């Protein structure tokens, strides 16, 4: 089990006060069989630092996590970390186990709702599965993500593994989990989706501050 939840108290005092980006997902977020520094949430933190944006990324990925497991543990994380942004990356394990997609969709929907109710923005991350699980099942799985993003007006990244899935050189020997090179591809896609959200959030915060002044 890989679960890299960085300790609040291990960070410098200035970093502890930064708004939080919660990377909430499964092994694809946790960085399965990789060093912590190789996982895309850590690489995203580096991108944010290089852009001189004052945010703190927390890797809350757990290998093997399903949407039901995510739904159970998200409330405590929202209450403790009070994230500004939740990057929601779950569902692949539901599909790979042949679990009910209607229940997975309902679980994702509830996580989106509770994240937004806590005051966080949401970036919903889509996934795909091979057609050998059944073409109808695979299509239904893939479609539930844009449907949820549209229904709840969330930001949307269509496929976390774009440019990585199916490429032997970018995955571990299991052919499923990205290696360090694959994680570097992933973070480019995540950063492209996250950057405008952070810019907009900073602009909104600045405007609100000017109104209060």
N, C-alpha and C. Protein backbone atom coordinates (compact mmCIF):
# COMPACT_ATOMS: atom_id res chain seq x y z
N UNK A 1 0.84 -1.19 0.00
CA UNK A 1 0.00 0.00 0.00
C UNK A 1 0.87 1.24 0.00
N UNK A 2 0.59 2.11 -0.92
CA UNK A 2 1.34 3.36 -1.01
C UNK A 2 0.42 4.51 -0.66
N UNK A 3 0.80 5.26 0.38
CA UNK A 3 -0.04 6.38 0.81
C UNK A 3 0.87 7.49 1.29
N UNK A 4 1.10 8.47 0.43
CA UNK A 4 2.04 9.55 0.73
C UNK A 4 1.28 10.79 1.17
N UNK A 5 0.87 10.83 2.42
CA UNK A 5 0.21 12.01 2.96
C UNK A 5 1.25 12.78 3.74
N UNK A 6 1.75 13.86 3.15
CA UNK A 6 2.86 14.59 3.72
C UNK A 6 2.44 15.26 5.02
N UNK A 7 3.28 15.14 6.03
CA UNK A 7 2.99 15.70 7.34
C UNK A 7 3.01 17.22 7.30
N UNK A 8 1.96 17.80 7.86
CA UNK A 8 1.87 19.26 7.95
C UNK A 8 3.04 19.83 8.73
N UNK A 9 3.44 19.10 9.79
CA UNK A 9 4.45 19.63 10.69
C UNK A 9 5.88 19.42 10.20
N UNK A 10 6.05 18.67 9.11
CA UNK A 10 7.38 18.46 8.57
C UNK A 10 7.76 19.55 7.58
N UNK A 11 6.82 20.45 7.27
CA UNK A 11 7.06 21.49 6.28
C UNK A 11 7.53 22.78 6.95
N UNK A 12 8.24 23.62 6.22
CA UNK A 12 8.59 24.93 6.74
C UNK A 12 7.34 25.71 7.10
N UNK A 13 7.46 26.63 8.04
CA UNK A 13 6.30 27.36 8.53
C UNK A 13 5.54 28.06 7.41
N UNK A 14 6.28 28.67 6.46
CA UNK A 14 5.62 29.40 5.37
C UNK A 14 4.79 28.45 4.51
N UNK A 15 5.33 27.26 4.23
CA UNK A 15 4.63 26.31 3.36
C UNK A 15 3.38 25.76 4.04
N UNK A 16 3.39 25.68 5.36
CA UNK A 16 2.24 25.15 6.08
C UNK A 16 1.00 26.00 5.89
N UNK A 17 1.17 27.26 5.59
CA UNK A 17 0.03 28.17 5.45
C UNK A 17 -0.50 28.25 4.02
N UNK A 18 0.14 27.58 3.10
CA UNK A 18 -0.29 27.64 1.70
C UNK A 18 -1.61 26.90 1.49
N UNK A 19 -2.45 27.39 0.57
CA UNK A 19 -3.66 26.63 0.20
C UNK A 19 -3.27 25.25 -0.32
N UNK A 20 -4.11 24.28 -0.01
CA UNK A 20 -3.80 22.89 -0.32
C UNK A 20 -4.45 22.43 -1.62
N UNK A 21 -3.69 21.67 -2.38
CA UNK A 21 -4.21 20.92 -3.52
C UNK A 21 -4.17 19.45 -3.10
N UNK A 22 -5.33 18.82 -3.03
CA UNK A 22 -5.41 17.44 -2.59
C UNK A 22 -5.48 16.52 -3.80
N UNK A 23 -4.41 15.76 -4.02
CA UNK A 23 -4.37 14.77 -5.10
C UNK A 23 -4.94 13.48 -4.53
N UNK A 24 -6.18 13.19 -4.86
CA UNK A 24 -6.94 12.13 -4.20
C UNK A 24 -7.21 11.01 -5.19
N UNK A 25 -6.57 9.86 -4.99
CA UNK A 25 -6.73 8.81 -5.97
C UNK A 25 -6.24 7.46 -5.52
N UNK A 26 -5.88 6.65 -6.50
CA UNK A 26 -5.44 5.28 -6.25
C UNK A 26 -3.95 5.15 -6.53
N UNK A 27 -3.51 3.98 -6.97
CA UNK A 27 -2.08 3.73 -7.19
C UNK A 27 -1.48 4.63 -8.26
N UNK A 28 -2.30 5.09 -9.20
CA UNK A 28 -1.80 5.97 -10.25
C UNK A 28 -1.38 7.32 -9.69
N UNK A 29 -2.00 7.71 -8.59
CA UNK A 29 -1.64 8.93 -7.90
C UNK A 29 -0.58 8.67 -6.83
N UNK A 30 -0.71 7.54 -6.14
CA UNK A 30 0.24 7.21 -5.08
C UNK A 30 1.66 7.04 -5.61
N UNK A 31 1.77 6.60 -6.87
CA UNK A 31 3.10 6.34 -7.43
C UNK A 31 3.54 4.93 -7.11
N UNK A 32 2.73 3.96 -7.48
CA UNK A 32 2.96 2.55 -7.19
C UNK A 32 4.37 2.11 -7.59
N UNK A 33 5.09 1.54 -6.62
CA UNK A 33 6.44 0.99 -6.78
C UNK A 33 7.48 2.04 -7.18
N UNK A 34 7.18 3.29 -6.94
CA UNK A 34 8.13 4.36 -7.24
C UNK A 34 8.51 5.08 -5.96
N UNK A 35 9.62 5.80 -6.01
CA UNK A 35 9.96 6.69 -4.90
C UNK A 35 8.95 7.83 -4.85
N UNK A 36 8.73 8.34 -3.66
CA UNK A 36 7.76 9.42 -3.47
C UNK A 36 8.02 10.58 -4.42
N UNK A 37 9.28 10.93 -4.62
CA UNK A 37 9.62 12.08 -5.45
C UNK A 37 9.33 11.86 -6.94
N UNK A 38 9.06 10.62 -7.33
CA UNK A 38 8.79 10.34 -8.73
C UNK A 38 7.31 10.38 -9.09
N UNK A 39 6.44 10.41 -8.10
CA UNK A 39 5.00 10.41 -8.35
C UNK A 39 4.54 11.77 -8.86
N UNK A 40 3.50 11.77 -9.69
CA UNK A 40 3.10 13.02 -10.33
C UNK A 40 2.68 14.12 -9.35
N UNK A 41 2.10 13.82 -8.17
CA UNK A 41 1.81 14.93 -7.26
C UNK A 41 3.05 15.69 -6.79
N UNK A 42 4.16 14.96 -6.57
CA UNK A 42 5.40 15.63 -6.20
C UNK A 42 5.93 16.45 -7.37
N UNK A 43 5.83 15.91 -8.57
CA UNK A 43 6.26 16.64 -9.77
C UNK A 43 5.38 17.87 -9.99
N UNK A 44 4.09 17.74 -9.65
CA UNK A 44 3.20 18.90 -9.77
C UNK A 44 3.61 19.99 -8.79
N UNK A 45 4.01 19.60 -7.60
CA UNK A 45 4.49 20.59 -6.63
C UNK A 45 5.69 21.35 -7.19
N UNK A 46 6.57 20.64 -7.87
CA UNK A 46 7.74 21.30 -8.46
C UNK A 46 7.31 22.28 -9.56
N UNK A 47 6.33 21.91 -10.35
CA UNK A 47 5.83 22.82 -11.38
C UNK A 47 5.25 24.08 -10.74
N UNK A 48 4.50 23.89 -9.69
CA UNK A 48 3.87 25.02 -8.99
C UNK A 48 4.93 25.93 -8.39
N UNK A 49 5.95 25.33 -7.79
CA UNK A 49 7.03 26.12 -7.21
C UNK A 49 7.78 26.90 -8.27
N UNK A 50 8.02 26.26 -9.42
CA UNK A 50 8.73 26.94 -10.51
C UNK A 50 7.91 28.11 -11.06
N UNK A 51 6.59 27.98 -10.99
CA UNK A 51 5.71 29.05 -11.46
C UNK A 51 5.50 30.11 -10.37
N UNK A 52 6.15 29.92 -9.24
CA UNK A 52 6.05 30.85 -8.12
C UNK A 52 4.61 30.98 -7.62
N UNK A 53 3.89 29.87 -7.64
CA UNK A 53 2.54 29.82 -7.10
C UNK A 53 2.60 29.19 -5.72
N UNK A 54 1.95 29.79 -4.76
CA UNK A 54 2.07 29.37 -3.38
C UNK A 54 0.97 28.39 -2.99
N UNK A 55 1.14 27.16 -3.41
CA UNK A 55 0.22 26.09 -3.06
C UNK A 55 1.01 24.90 -2.54
N UNK A 56 0.33 24.05 -1.78
CA UNK A 56 0.96 22.85 -1.23
C UNK A 56 0.19 21.63 -1.71
N UNK A 57 0.86 20.73 -2.40
CA UNK A 57 0.23 19.53 -2.93
C UNK A 57 0.36 18.39 -1.92
N UNK A 58 -0.75 17.77 -1.60
CA UNK A 58 -0.76 16.60 -0.73
C UNK A 58 -1.13 15.39 -1.56
N UNK A 59 -0.28 14.38 -1.51
CA UNK A 59 -0.55 13.13 -2.23
C UNK A 59 -1.36 12.23 -1.31
N UNK A 60 -2.64 12.11 -1.62
CA UNK A 60 -3.54 11.25 -0.84
C UNK A 60 -3.99 10.07 -1.70
N UNK A 61 -3.04 9.48 -2.39
CA UNK A 61 -3.31 8.30 -3.19
C UNK A 61 -3.04 7.03 -2.41
N UNK A 62 -3.89 6.03 -2.57
CA UNK A 62 -3.72 4.73 -1.93
C UNK A 62 -3.87 3.65 -3.00
N UNK A 63 -2.89 2.79 -3.10
CA UNK A 63 -2.95 1.71 -4.08
C UNK A 63 -4.14 0.80 -3.80
N UNK A 64 -4.86 0.46 -4.85
CA UNK A 64 -6.00 -0.42 -4.73
C UNK A 64 -7.30 0.26 -4.36
N UNK A 65 -7.27 1.58 -4.19
CA UNK A 65 -8.44 2.30 -3.74
C UNK A 65 -9.58 2.24 -4.76
N UNK A 66 -10.78 2.02 -4.27
CA UNK A 66 -11.99 2.06 -5.08
C UNK A 66 -12.74 3.36 -4.77
N UNK A 67 -13.80 3.62 -5.53
CA UNK A 67 -14.59 4.81 -5.24
C UNK A 67 -15.27 4.70 -3.89
N UNK A 68 -15.65 3.50 -3.48
CA UNK A 68 -16.27 3.32 -2.17
C UNK A 68 -15.27 3.64 -1.06
N UNK A 69 -14.04 3.17 -1.23
CA UNK A 69 -13.01 3.47 -0.24
C UNK A 69 -12.71 4.96 -0.19
N UNK A 70 -12.68 5.58 -1.36
CA UNK A 70 -12.43 7.02 -1.41
C UNK A 70 -13.53 7.80 -0.73
N UNK A 71 -14.76 7.39 -0.98
CA UNK A 71 -15.91 8.07 -0.37
C UNK A 71 -15.85 7.99 1.16
N UNK A 72 -15.35 6.87 1.67
CA UNK A 72 -15.28 6.68 3.12
C UNK A 72 -14.21 7.55 3.76
N UNK A 73 -13.09 7.78 3.07
CA UNK A 73 -12.00 8.51 3.72
C UNK A 73 -11.91 9.99 3.36
N UNK A 74 -12.65 10.42 2.33
CA UNK A 74 -12.55 11.81 1.91
C UNK A 74 -13.04 12.82 2.95
N UNK A 75 -14.14 12.58 3.66
CA UNK A 75 -14.62 13.61 4.60
C UNK A 75 -13.58 14.04 5.63
N UNK A 76 -12.84 13.09 6.19
CA UNK A 76 -11.82 13.43 7.19
C UNK A 76 -10.71 14.27 6.58
N UNK A 77 -10.34 13.97 5.35
CA UNK A 77 -9.29 14.73 4.67
C UNK A 77 -9.75 16.15 4.37
N UNK A 78 -10.99 16.28 3.94
CA UNK A 78 -11.51 17.62 3.66
C UNK A 78 -11.56 18.46 4.93
N UNK A 79 -11.96 17.83 6.02
CA UNK A 79 -12.06 18.56 7.28
C UNK A 79 -10.69 18.96 7.80
N UNK A 80 -9.71 18.08 7.63
CA UNK A 80 -8.38 18.36 8.18
C UNK A 80 -7.57 19.29 7.30
N UNK A 81 -7.58 19.06 5.99
CA UNK A 81 -6.70 19.79 5.10
C UNK A 81 -7.33 21.05 4.49
N UNK A 82 -8.66 21.09 4.45
CA UNK A 82 -9.38 22.24 3.88
C UNK A 82 -8.79 22.65 2.52
N UNK A 83 -8.78 21.73 1.57
CA UNK A 83 -8.13 22.01 0.28
C UNK A 83 -8.83 23.10 -0.53
N UNK A 84 -8.05 23.82 -1.29
CA UNK A 84 -8.57 24.78 -2.25
C UNK A 84 -9.01 24.05 -3.53
N UNK A 85 -8.30 22.96 -3.84
CA UNK A 85 -8.56 22.18 -5.05
C UNK A 85 -8.43 20.70 -4.74
N UNK A 86 -9.40 19.92 -5.20
CA UNK A 86 -9.34 18.46 -5.11
C UNK A 86 -9.19 17.90 -6.51
N UNK A 87 -8.11 17.17 -6.74
CA UNK A 87 -7.92 16.46 -8.00
C UNK A 87 -8.42 15.03 -7.76
N UNK A 88 -9.55 14.69 -8.33
CA UNK A 88 -10.23 13.43 -8.04
C UNK A 88 -9.93 12.40 -9.12
N UNK A 89 -9.14 11.40 -8.76
CA UNK A 89 -8.70 10.37 -9.71
C UNK A 89 -9.04 9.00 -9.12
N UNK A 90 -10.23 8.53 -9.37
CA UNK A 90 -10.66 7.22 -8.88
C UNK A 90 -11.60 6.57 -9.89
N UNK A 91 -11.76 5.27 -9.76
CA UNK A 91 -12.69 4.53 -10.59
C UNK A 91 -12.08 3.36 -11.33
N UNK A 92 -10.77 3.44 -11.60
CA UNK A 92 -10.13 2.37 -12.38
C UNK A 92 -10.25 1.02 -11.68
N UNK A 93 -10.06 0.99 -10.36
CA UNK A 93 -10.13 -0.28 -9.65
C UNK A 93 -11.54 -0.84 -9.60
N UNK A 94 -12.54 0.03 -9.59
CA UNK A 94 -13.92 -0.44 -9.69
C UNK A 94 -14.11 -1.20 -11.00
N UNK A 95 -13.65 -0.58 -12.09
CA UNK A 95 -13.83 -1.17 -13.41
C UNK A 95 -13.03 -2.46 -13.56
N UNK A 96 -11.79 -2.45 -13.10
CA UNK A 96 -10.95 -3.64 -13.25
C UNK A 96 -11.48 -4.82 -12.45
N UNK A 97 -12.27 -4.54 -11.43
CA UNK A 97 -12.89 -5.60 -10.63
C UNK A 97 -14.30 -5.92 -11.08
N UNK A 98 -14.75 -5.24 -12.13
CA UNK A 98 -16.08 -5.50 -12.65
C UNK A 98 -17.19 -5.06 -11.73
N UNK A 99 -16.93 -4.05 -10.91
CA UNK A 99 -17.94 -3.57 -9.97
C UNK A 99 -19.00 -2.73 -10.69
N UNK A 100 -20.07 -2.48 -10.00
CA UNK A 100 -21.18 -1.72 -10.58
C UNK A 100 -20.75 -0.31 -10.97
N UNK A 101 -20.93 0.05 -12.23
CA UNK A 101 -20.55 1.38 -12.68
C UNK A 101 -21.54 2.43 -12.20
N UNK A 102 -22.79 2.04 -12.02
CA UNK A 102 -23.76 3.00 -11.49
C UNK A 102 -23.40 3.38 -10.06
N UNK A 103 -22.91 2.41 -9.28
CA UNK A 103 -22.49 2.71 -7.92
C UNK A 103 -21.21 3.54 -7.92
N UNK A 104 -20.28 3.21 -8.83
CA UNK A 104 -19.04 3.99 -8.93
C UNK A 104 -19.37 5.43 -9.30
N UNK A 105 -20.29 5.61 -10.23
CA UNK A 105 -20.67 6.97 -10.63
C UNK A 105 -21.31 7.71 -9.47
N UNK A 106 -22.15 7.03 -8.73
CA UNK A 106 -22.78 7.65 -7.56
C UNK A 106 -21.75 8.04 -6.51
N UNK A 107 -20.76 7.17 -6.29
CA UNK A 107 -19.70 7.48 -5.33
C UNK A 107 -18.89 8.70 -5.76
N UNK A 108 -18.54 8.74 -7.05
CA UNK A 108 -17.81 9.90 -7.56
C UNK A 108 -18.63 11.17 -7.43
N UNK A 109 -19.90 11.06 -7.73
CA UNK A 109 -20.79 12.22 -7.63
C UNK A 109 -20.82 12.76 -6.20
N UNK A 110 -20.92 11.86 -5.24
CA UNK A 110 -20.96 12.28 -3.84
C UNK A 110 -19.65 12.92 -3.41
N UNK A 111 -18.54 12.41 -3.92
CA UNK A 111 -17.24 13.00 -3.59
C UNK A 111 -17.10 14.40 -4.20
N UNK A 112 -17.60 14.57 -5.41
CA UNK A 112 -17.60 15.90 -6.04
C UNK A 112 -18.44 16.86 -5.20
N UNK A 113 -19.61 16.41 -4.82
CA UNK A 113 -20.52 17.26 -4.07
C UNK A 113 -19.93 17.66 -2.72
N UNK A 114 -19.37 16.71 -2.00
CA UNK A 114 -18.81 17.04 -0.67
C UNK A 114 -17.57 17.91 -0.80
N UNK A 115 -16.79 17.73 -1.86
CA UNK A 115 -15.62 18.57 -2.07
C UNK A 115 -16.04 20.01 -2.33
N UNK A 116 -17.02 20.18 -3.19
CA UNK A 116 -17.51 21.52 -3.50
C UNK A 116 -18.19 22.15 -2.28
N UNK A 117 -18.91 21.35 -1.51
CA UNK A 117 -19.56 21.86 -0.31
C UNK A 117 -18.55 22.34 0.72
N UNK A 118 -17.35 21.75 0.70
CA UNK A 118 -16.30 22.16 1.64
C UNK A 118 -15.61 23.45 1.21
N UNK A 119 -15.92 23.91 -0.01
CA UNK A 119 -15.31 25.12 -0.53
C UNK A 119 -14.21 24.89 -1.54
N UNK A 120 -13.97 23.62 -1.89
CA UNK A 120 -12.90 23.29 -2.84
C UNK A 120 -13.42 23.27 -4.27
N UNK A 121 -12.56 23.64 -5.20
CA UNK A 121 -12.81 23.37 -6.61
C UNK A 121 -12.43 21.93 -6.88
N UNK A 122 -12.97 21.38 -7.96
CA UNK A 122 -12.71 19.98 -8.30
C UNK A 122 -12.19 19.86 -9.72
N UNK A 123 -11.12 19.10 -9.88
CA UNK A 123 -10.67 18.66 -11.19
C UNK A 123 -10.93 17.17 -11.25
N UNK A 124 -11.90 16.77 -12.06
CA UNK A 124 -12.22 15.37 -12.22
C UNK A 124 -11.33 14.76 -13.29
N UNK A 125 -10.70 13.65 -12.96
CA UNK A 125 -9.75 12.99 -13.87
C UNK A 125 -10.39 11.74 -14.44
N UNK A 126 -10.50 11.68 -15.75
CA UNK A 126 -11.11 10.54 -16.41
C UNK A 126 -10.14 9.39 -16.59
N UNK A 127 -10.71 8.20 -16.73
CA UNK A 127 -9.92 7.00 -16.97
C UNK A 127 -10.57 6.18 -18.07
N UNK A 128 -9.82 5.23 -18.59
CA UNK A 128 -10.33 4.30 -19.60
C UNK A 128 -9.85 2.90 -19.24
N UNK A 129 -10.55 1.90 -19.75
CA UNK A 129 -10.12 0.52 -19.58
C UNK A 129 -10.10 -0.16 -20.94
N UNK A 130 -9.31 -1.23 -21.09
CA UNK A 130 -9.24 -1.92 -22.38
C UNK A 130 -10.59 -2.51 -22.77
N UNK A 131 -10.86 -2.63 -24.06
CA UNK A 131 -12.15 -3.16 -24.52
C UNK A 131 -12.36 -4.64 -24.20
N UNK A 132 -11.29 -5.34 -23.77
CA UNK A 132 -11.46 -6.76 -23.45
C UNK A 132 -12.33 -6.98 -22.21
N UNK A 133 -12.63 -5.90 -21.48
CA UNK A 133 -13.57 -6.01 -20.37
C UNK A 133 -15.02 -5.95 -20.87
N UNK A 134 -15.16 -5.86 -22.19
CA UNK A 134 -16.47 -5.72 -22.81
C UNK A 134 -16.62 -4.31 -23.33
N UNK A 135 -16.87 -4.17 -24.63
CA UNK A 135 -16.88 -2.85 -25.23
C UNK A 135 -17.96 -1.96 -24.64
N UNK A 136 -19.13 -2.53 -24.34
CA UNK A 136 -20.22 -1.72 -23.77
C UNK A 136 -19.85 -1.24 -22.38
N UNK A 137 -19.26 -2.13 -21.58
CA UNK A 137 -18.84 -1.77 -20.22
C UNK A 137 -17.75 -0.70 -20.27
N UNK A 138 -16.79 -0.88 -21.18
CA UNK A 138 -15.69 0.08 -21.31
C UNK A 138 -16.20 1.45 -21.74
N UNK A 139 -17.14 1.49 -22.68
CA UNK A 139 -17.71 2.77 -23.13
C UNK A 139 -18.48 3.45 -22.00
N UNK A 140 -19.26 2.67 -21.27
CA UNK A 140 -20.04 3.23 -20.16
C UNK A 140 -19.11 3.78 -19.09
N UNK A 141 -18.03 3.06 -18.82
CA UNK A 141 -17.06 3.51 -17.82
C UNK A 141 -16.43 4.84 -18.25
N UNK A 142 -15.96 4.89 -19.47
CA UNK A 142 -15.31 6.10 -19.96
C UNK A 142 -16.26 7.29 -19.98
N UNK A 143 -17.51 7.06 -20.32
CA UNK A 143 -18.48 8.14 -20.48
C UNK A 143 -18.94 8.73 -19.16
N UNK A 144 -18.83 7.96 -18.06
CA UNK A 144 -19.36 8.49 -16.80
C UNK A 144 -18.57 9.71 -16.32
N UNK A 145 -17.32 9.84 -16.73
CA UNK A 145 -16.51 10.98 -16.28
C UNK A 145 -16.94 12.30 -16.93
N UNK A 146 -17.01 12.38 -18.26
CA UNK A 146 -17.49 13.65 -18.83
C UNK A 146 -18.93 13.96 -18.43
N UNK A 147 -19.74 12.93 -18.24
CA UNK A 147 -21.12 13.16 -17.80
C UNK A 147 -21.14 13.83 -16.42
N UNK A 148 -20.31 13.34 -15.50
CA UNK A 148 -20.24 13.91 -14.16
C UNK A 148 -19.67 15.33 -14.19
N UNK A 149 -18.62 15.52 -14.97
CA UNK A 149 -18.01 16.85 -15.06
C UNK A 149 -19.00 17.87 -15.60
N UNK A 150 -19.78 17.47 -16.59
CA UNK A 150 -20.76 18.37 -17.18
C UNK A 150 -21.90 18.64 -16.20
N UNK A 151 -22.37 17.61 -15.53
CA UNK A 151 -23.49 17.76 -14.61
C UNK A 151 -23.15 18.64 -13.42
N UNK A 152 -21.90 18.56 -12.97
CA UNK A 152 -21.50 19.30 -11.77
C UNK A 152 -20.58 20.48 -12.08
N UNK A 153 -20.41 20.76 -13.37
CA UNK A 153 -19.64 21.93 -13.80
C UNK A 153 -18.25 21.96 -13.16
N UNK A 154 -17.57 20.82 -13.23
CA UNK A 154 -16.20 20.75 -12.71
C UNK A 154 -15.21 20.81 -13.87
N UNK A 155 -13.99 21.18 -13.55
CA UNK A 155 -12.91 21.06 -14.53
C UNK A 155 -12.70 19.58 -14.82
N UNK A 156 -12.19 19.28 -16.01
CA UNK A 156 -12.13 17.89 -16.43
C UNK A 156 -10.86 17.60 -17.22
N UNK A 157 -10.17 16.55 -16.81
CA UNK A 157 -9.02 16.02 -17.56
C UNK A 157 -9.47 14.68 -18.12
N UNK A 158 -9.67 14.55 -19.42
CA UNK A 158 -10.31 13.36 -19.98
C UNK A 158 -9.63 12.03 -19.69
N UNK A 159 -8.29 11.98 -19.68
CA UNK A 159 -7.62 10.70 -19.51
C UNK A 159 -6.25 10.93 -18.87
N UNK A 160 -6.09 10.45 -17.64
CA UNK A 160 -4.84 10.66 -16.91
C UNK A 160 -3.65 10.07 -17.65
N UNK A 161 -3.85 8.95 -18.30
CA UNK A 161 -2.73 8.20 -18.90
C UNK A 161 -2.56 8.49 -20.40
N UNK A 162 -3.03 9.65 -20.83
CA UNK A 162 -2.87 10.02 -22.24
C UNK A 162 -1.39 10.05 -22.61
N UNK A 163 -1.03 9.31 -23.68
CA UNK A 163 0.37 9.25 -24.10
C UNK A 163 1.22 8.28 -23.30
N UNK A 164 0.63 7.65 -22.29
CA UNK A 164 1.37 6.72 -21.43
C UNK A 164 0.83 5.30 -21.53
N UNK A 165 -0.49 5.15 -21.48
CA UNK A 165 -1.11 3.82 -21.54
C UNK A 165 -0.71 3.09 -22.82
N UNK A 166 -0.33 1.85 -22.66
CA UNK A 166 0.03 1.02 -23.80
C UNK A 166 1.45 1.19 -24.29
N UNK A 167 2.19 2.12 -23.72
CA UNK A 167 3.58 2.35 -24.12
C UNK A 167 4.50 1.62 -23.15
N UNK A 168 5.12 0.55 -23.62
CA UNK A 168 5.95 -0.30 -22.76
C UNK A 168 7.05 0.50 -22.07
N UNK A 169 7.62 1.45 -22.77
CA UNK A 169 8.75 2.21 -22.23
C UNK A 169 8.34 3.15 -21.10
N UNK A 170 7.05 3.41 -20.96
CA UNK A 170 6.58 4.37 -19.95
C UNK A 170 5.85 3.71 -18.79
N UNK A 171 5.87 2.37 -18.77
CA UNK A 171 5.16 1.64 -17.72
C UNK A 171 6.05 0.61 -17.05
N UNK A 172 5.65 0.21 -15.85
CA UNK A 172 6.34 -0.85 -15.14
C UNK A 172 6.10 -2.18 -15.85
N UNK A 173 6.72 -3.22 -15.35
CA UNK A 173 6.61 -4.51 -16.04
C UNK A 173 5.20 -5.11 -15.97
N UNK A 174 4.31 -4.54 -15.15
CA UNK A 174 2.94 -5.04 -15.12
C UNK A 174 2.11 -4.48 -16.28
N UNK A 175 2.68 -3.50 -17.00
CA UNK A 175 1.99 -2.92 -18.13
C UNK A 175 0.81 -2.04 -17.78
N UNK A 176 0.64 -1.76 -16.50
CA UNK A 176 -0.51 -0.97 -16.03
C UNK A 176 -0.08 0.33 -15.38
N UNK A 177 0.93 0.23 -14.52
CA UNK A 177 1.32 1.39 -13.71
C UNK A 177 2.49 2.14 -14.37
N UNK A 178 2.38 3.46 -14.47
CA UNK A 178 3.46 4.25 -15.08
C UNK A 178 4.76 4.16 -14.29
N UNK A 179 5.87 4.15 -15.00
CA UNK A 179 7.17 4.25 -14.35
C UNK A 179 7.52 5.73 -14.18
N UNK A 180 8.74 6.01 -13.77
CA UNK A 180 9.12 7.41 -13.53
C UNK A 180 8.97 8.27 -14.78
N UNK A 181 9.34 7.71 -15.94
CA UNK A 181 9.20 8.46 -17.19
C UNK A 181 7.73 8.71 -17.51
N UNK A 182 6.90 7.72 -17.25
CA UNK A 182 5.47 7.88 -17.47
C UNK A 182 4.87 8.94 -16.56
N UNK A 183 5.34 8.99 -15.32
CA UNK A 183 4.84 10.00 -14.39
C UNK A 183 5.18 11.41 -14.88
N UNK A 184 6.31 11.55 -15.53
CA UNK A 184 6.70 12.88 -16.05
C UNK A 184 5.80 13.30 -17.20
N UNK A 185 5.27 12.33 -17.94
CA UNK A 185 4.29 12.64 -18.99
C UNK A 185 2.96 13.03 -18.35
N UNK A 186 2.56 12.27 -17.35
CA UNK A 186 1.28 12.54 -16.68
C UNK A 186 1.23 13.94 -16.12
N UNK A 187 2.31 14.36 -15.46
CA UNK A 187 2.26 15.67 -14.79
C UNK A 187 2.09 16.82 -15.80
N UNK A 188 2.55 16.62 -17.01
CA UNK A 188 2.35 17.65 -18.03
C UNK A 188 0.85 17.85 -18.30
N UNK A 189 0.12 16.74 -18.37
CA UNK A 189 -1.32 16.83 -18.61
C UNK A 189 -2.03 17.44 -17.40
N UNK A 190 -1.62 17.01 -16.21
CA UNK A 190 -2.25 17.53 -15.00
C UNK A 190 -1.97 19.02 -14.86
N UNK A 191 -0.74 19.42 -15.11
CA UNK A 191 -0.36 20.83 -14.98
C UNK A 191 -1.14 21.69 -15.98
N UNK A 192 -1.33 21.18 -17.17
CA UNK A 192 -2.07 21.93 -18.19
C UNK A 192 -3.50 22.20 -17.73
N UNK A 193 -4.07 21.24 -17.00
CA UNK A 193 -5.44 21.41 -16.49
C UNK A 193 -5.48 22.26 -15.24
N UNK A 194 -4.47 22.11 -14.38
CA UNK A 194 -4.47 22.78 -13.09
C UNK A 194 -4.06 24.25 -13.18
N UNK A 195 -3.09 24.55 -14.02
CA UNK A 195 -2.54 25.91 -14.06
C UNK A 195 -3.60 26.99 -14.24
N UNK A 196 -4.50 26.87 -15.23
CA UNK A 196 -5.50 27.94 -15.37
C UNK A 196 -6.44 28.04 -14.18
N UNK A 197 -6.68 26.93 -13.50
CA UNK A 197 -7.53 26.96 -12.31
C UNK A 197 -6.85 27.76 -11.20
N UNK A 198 -5.55 27.58 -11.05
CA UNK A 198 -4.81 28.29 -10.01
C UNK A 198 -4.71 29.78 -10.34
N UNK A 199 -4.52 30.09 -11.61
CA UNK A 199 -4.46 31.49 -12.02
C UNK A 199 -5.80 32.17 -11.75
N UNK A 200 -6.88 31.49 -12.12
CA UNK A 200 -8.20 32.05 -11.89
C UNK A 200 -8.49 32.20 -10.40
N UNK A 201 -8.08 31.20 -9.61
CA UNK A 201 -8.29 31.27 -8.17
C UNK A 201 -7.53 32.43 -7.55
N UNK A 202 -6.30 32.64 -8.01
CA UNK A 202 -5.50 33.74 -7.49
C UNK A 202 -6.13 35.08 -7.86
N UNK A 203 -6.66 35.17 -9.08
CA UNK A 203 -7.32 36.40 -9.51
C UNK A 203 -8.57 36.69 -8.71
N UNK A 204 -9.34 35.63 -8.42
CA UNK A 204 -10.56 35.79 -7.63
C UNK A 204 -10.23 36.23 -6.22
N UNK A 205 -9.17 35.62 -5.64
CA UNK A 205 -8.77 35.97 -4.28
C UNK A 205 -8.31 37.43 -4.22
N UNK A 206 -7.59 37.86 -5.26
CA UNK A 206 -7.09 39.24 -5.31
C UNK A 206 -8.26 40.22 -5.41
N UNK A 207 -9.23 39.89 -6.26
CA UNK A 207 -10.38 40.74 -6.41
C UNK A 207 -11.19 40.85 -5.15
N UNK A 208 -11.33 39.72 -4.45
CA UNK A 208 -12.07 39.72 -3.20
C UNK A 208 -11.35 40.55 -2.15
N UNK A 209 -10.03 40.46 -2.14
CA UNK A 209 -9.23 41.24 -1.17
C UNK A 209 -9.39 42.73 -1.43
N UNK A 210 -9.41 43.12 -2.69
CA UNK A 210 -9.56 44.55 -3.04
C UNK A 210 -10.96 45.06 -2.63
N UNK A 211 -11.97 44.22 -2.76
CA UNK A 211 -13.31 44.62 -2.36
C UNK A 211 -13.38 44.85 -0.85
N UNK A 212 -12.73 43.93 -0.10
CA UNK A 212 -12.74 44.04 1.35
C UNK A 212 -11.95 45.26 1.82
N UNK A 213 -10.88 45.60 1.04
CA UNK A 213 -10.07 46.77 1.40
C UNK A 213 -10.80 48.05 1.12
